[in-house]
Amino acid sequence: MVRRTEWRADVNYPQLLRAKVEKMSDHVVPHFHNDAGVPIIEIGSQEFMCVGANPPFDHPHVFLDLGNDNEIICPYCSTLYRFAADLAAGQSRPPECVVKDKVA
């Protein structure tokens, strides 16, 4: 059975789609690096990207998700990331480990 979509005259579809896109773009994944070579980086995010070092010395940017854990090791650079509830999302300890200019 083919389901037919009925377009309603009272719905502003471009505005509806624009609102959906704005909501998706509100979620920015923080990026962290370990140029300093510290053994542990505490972070305030449970989902993030590790870039290893700042470009041009970065490794492949890998998405890491802590899930129910409090720690995770980057499979490329072996940096230990530890969740710290006292830090805001996107912050780190040491603070210089936050990537300032994100590179695609």
Protein backbone atom coordinates (compact mmCIF):
# COMPACT_ATOMS: atom_id res chain seq x y z
CA MET A 1 0.00 0.00 0.00
CA VAL A 2 1.36 3.42 -0.94
CA ARG A 3 0.87 6.10 1.65
CA ARG A 4 0.06 9.51 0.24
CA THR A 5 1.29 12.65 1.96
CA GLU A 6 -1.35 15.31 2.16
CA TRP A 7 -0.04 18.86 2.26
CA ARG A 8 -1.98 21.11 4.58
CA ALA A 9 -2.53 24.73 3.65
CA ASP A 10 -2.33 25.90 7.27
CA VAL A 11 1.24 24.60 7.84
CA ASN A 12 4.28 26.74 6.99
CA TYR A 13 6.59 23.92 5.83
CA PRO A 14 9.74 26.03 5.18
CA GLN A 15 9.49 27.45 8.72
CA LEU A 16 8.96 23.95 10.14
CA LEU A 17 12.05 22.63 8.32
CA ARG A 18 14.14 25.66 9.34
CA ALA A 19 13.26 25.09 13.00
CA LYS A 20 14.34 21.46 12.71
CA VAL A 21 17.70 22.42 11.17
CA GLU A 22 18.36 25.03 13.84
CA LYS A 23 17.75 22.45 16.56
CA MET A 24 20.15 19.96 14.94
CA SER A 25 22.86 22.59 14.59
CA ASP A 26 22.58 23.60 18.25
CA HIS A 27 24.44 20.42 19.20
CA VAL A 28 28.15 21.07 18.69
CA VAL A 29 30.59 18.27 19.45
CA PRO A 30 33.58 19.66 21.39
CA HIS A 31 37.10 18.88 20.15
CA PHE A 32 40.11 18.29 22.40
CA HIS A 33 43.85 17.89 21.75
CA ASN A 34 46.86 16.85 23.81
CA ASP A 35 49.70 19.04 22.56
CA ALA A 36 50.95 19.30 26.14
CA GLY A 37 51.32 15.52 26.43
CA VAL A 38 49.48 15.32 29.75
CA PRO A 39 48.55 11.81 30.93
CA ILE A 40 44.91 12.67 31.76
CA ILE A 41 42.54 15.29 30.37
CA GLU A 42 39.41 15.93 32.42
CA ILE A 43 36.44 17.04 30.33
CA GLY A 44 32.89 18.23 30.89
CA SER A 45 31.45 16.41 27.86
CA GLN A 46 30.41 12.81 27.45
CA GLU A 47 30.60 12.91 23.64
CA PHE A 48 33.57 14.60 21.99
CA MET A 49 36.26 14.44 19.32
CA CYS A 50 39.93 13.77 19.96
CA VAL A 51 42.27 15.25 17.36
CA GLY A 52 45.53 14.18 19.04
CA ALA A 53 47.53 17.35 18.49
CA ASN A 54 46.77 20.63 16.80
CA PRO A 55 46.99 20.56 12.99
CA PRO A 56 49.11 19.82 11.07
CA PHE A 57 50.24 17.18 13.61
CA ASP A 58 46.75 15.83 14.33
CA HIS A 59 45.65 12.22 13.98
CA PRO A 60 42.33 11.25 12.35
CA HIS A 61 39.62 13.06 14.27
CA VAL A 62 37.86 10.33 16.23
CA PHE A 63 34.43 10.60 17.88
CA LEU A 64 34.45 9.22 21.42
CA ASP A 65 31.39 8.54 23.56
CA LEU A 66 31.78 7.82 27.27
CA GLY A 67 28.34 6.20 27.47
CA ASN A 68 27.95 4.98 31.07
CA ASP A 69 31.70 5.13 31.75
CA ASN A 70 33.69 7.97 33.32
CA GLU A 71 36.92 7.34 31.37
CA ILE A 72 37.93 6.49 27.83
CA ILE A 73 41.28 6.10 26.05
CA CYS A 74 41.73 7.49 22.55
CA PRO A 75 42.66 4.56 20.27
CA TYR A 76 45.06 6.75 18.24
CA CYS A 77 47.06 8.77 20.77
CA SER A 78 46.31 6.85 24.01
CA THR A 79 45.21 9.99 25.83
CA LEU A 80 43.05 9.15 28.85
CA TYR A 81 39.93 11.32 28.98
CA ARG A 82 38.05 11.47 32.28
CA PHE A 83 34.59 13.01 32.77
CA ALA A 84 34.49 15.77 35.39
CA ALA A 85 30.97 16.80 36.40
CA ASP A 86 32.19 20.15 37.72
CA LEU A 87 33.26 21.24 34.21
CA ALA A 88 30.79 22.64 31.69
CA ALA A 89 30.30 20.90 28.34
CA GLY A 90 33.23 21.77 26.07
CA GLN A 91 35.60 22.66 28.92
CA SER A 92 38.70 20.74 29.92
CA ARG A 93 41.30 20.55 32.64
CA PRO A 94 43.93 21.65 31.64
CA PRO A 95 41.94 24.33 29.77
CA GLU A 96 44.47 24.64 26.93
CA CYS A 97 43.40 21.19 25.64
CA VAL A 98 40.22 22.61 24.07
CA VAL A 99 40.58 23.00 20.30
CA LYS A 100 39.97 26.67 19.55
CA ASP A 101 39.65 26.56 15.75
CA LYS A 102 37.86 23.45 14.57
CA VAL A 103 39.20 22.04 11.33
CA ALA A 104 36.99 19.81 9.23
